[in-house]
Protein backbone atom coordinates (compact mmCIF):
# COMPACT_ATOMS: atom_id res chain seq x y z
CA MET A 1 -5.56 9.47 -6.77
CA PRO A 2 -2.25 11.03 -7.86
CA ILE A 3 -1.60 12.24 -4.31
CA ASN A 4 -2.57 8.84 -2.91
CA LEU A 5 -0.07 7.20 -5.25
CA LYS A 6 2.66 9.57 -4.06
CA ILE A 7 1.81 8.77 -0.44
CA GLU A 8 1.92 5.05 -1.23
CA LYS A 9 5.30 5.41 -2.96
CA THR A 10 6.73 7.44 -0.08
CA ILE A 11 5.66 4.87 2.50
CA VAL A 12 6.92 1.89 0.50
CA GLU A 13 10.25 3.45 -0.50
CA ASN A 14 10.97 4.73 3.01
CA ALA A 15 9.64 1.89 5.15
CA HIS A 16 13.18 1.29 6.43
CA LEU A 17 12.99 4.64 8.23
CA ILE A 18 9.97 3.71 10.34
CA ASN A 19 10.70 3.46 14.06
CA GLY A 20 9.75 0.24 15.77
CA SER A 21 9.37 -3.32 14.62
CA GLY A 22 6.29 -2.93 12.44
CA MET A 23 4.41 -0.72 10.05
CA PRO A 24 2.08 1.70 11.87
CA LYS A 25 -1.61 0.82 11.52
CA GLU A 26 -2.40 4.16 9.86
CA PHE A 27 0.22 3.49 7.19
CA ARG A 28 -1.13 -0.02 6.56
CA ASP A 29 -4.65 1.40 6.32
CA VAL A 30 -3.55 3.98 3.73
CA LEU A 31 -1.81 1.30 1.66
CA VAL A 32 -4.91 -0.91 1.75
CA HIS A 33 -7.12 2.03 0.79
CA VAL A 34 -4.94 3.01 -2.18
CA GLU A 35 -4.59 -0.56 -3.42
CA ALA A 36 -8.34 -1.14 -3.21
CA TYR A 37 -9.04 2.10 -5.05
CA LYS A 38 -6.77 0.97 -7.88
CA THR A 39 -9.24 -1.86 -8.48
CA THR A 40 -12.18 0.54 -8.48
CA ILE A 41 -10.44 2.86 -10.95
CA LYS A 42 -9.53 -0.06 -13.20
CA LYS A 43 -13.21 -1.01 -13.35
CA TRP A 44 -14.09 2.57 -14.26
CA GLU A 45 -11.61 2.37 -17.15
CA GLU A 46 -13.56 -0.68 -18.32
CA GLU A 47 -16.79 1.38 -18.02
CA ASP A 48 -17.98 -0.59 -15.01
CA PHE A 49 -19.31 2.05 -12.62
CA THR A 50 -21.01 -0.29 -10.15
CA ASN A 51 -18.53 0.66 -7.40
CA HIS A 52 -17.93 4.27 -6.43
CA VAL A 53 -15.78 3.89 -3.34
CA SER A 54 -12.78 1.99 -2.08
CA TYR A 55 -13.04 -1.16 0.02
CA ASN A 56 -12.14 0.87 3.08
CA ASN A 57 -12.24 4.56 3.93
CA TYR A 58 -9.18 6.76 3.98
CA PRO A 59 -7.91 6.61 7.57
CA ARG A 60 -8.69 9.90 9.26
CA SER A 61 -5.92 9.33 11.77
CA PHE A 62 -3.20 9.17 9.09
CA LEU A 63 -2.39 12.90 8.91
CA ASN A 64 -2.31 13.22 12.69
CA SER A 65 -0.01 10.19 12.93
CA VAL A 66 2.39 11.60 10.34
CA SER A 67 2.38 15.05 11.97
CA HIS A 68 3.02 13.58 15.42
CA THR A 69 5.82 11.35 14.17
CA TYR A 70 7.46 14.24 12.29
CA ALA A 71 7.35 16.47 15.38
CA ASP A 72 8.94 13.71 17.48
CA LEU A 73 11.69 13.19 14.93
CA LYS A 74 12.44 16.92 14.80
CA LYS A 75 12.76 16.98 18.61
CA LYS A 76 15.17 14.03 18.52
CA GLN A 77 17.15 15.70 15.73
CA ALA A 78 17.44 18.94 17.71
CA LYS A 79 18.61 17.02 20.77
CA MET A 80 21.20 15.11 18.74
CA ILE A 81 22.70 18.25 17.27
CA GLY A 82 22.73 19.98 20.66
CA MET A 83 19.94 22.48 20.13
CA LYS A 84 17.98 21.34 23.21
């Protein structure tokens, strides 16, 4: 969960850097997953172990989306500074 919380914080604090008019689906899915898991963990703290998973699964496409976006941004950066 600590890594999920860092991912959540990074998305929320840097949302203004996202290209386009909306939040990518993969980012929304990660935020929903993390928020739902907070509820599950809270129940565990209260010794309620009836739920063992989040409301939704961690989006498998998230890492690929981030990697693709990063590569695109690096290409644009290189073009802007005259490297390509």
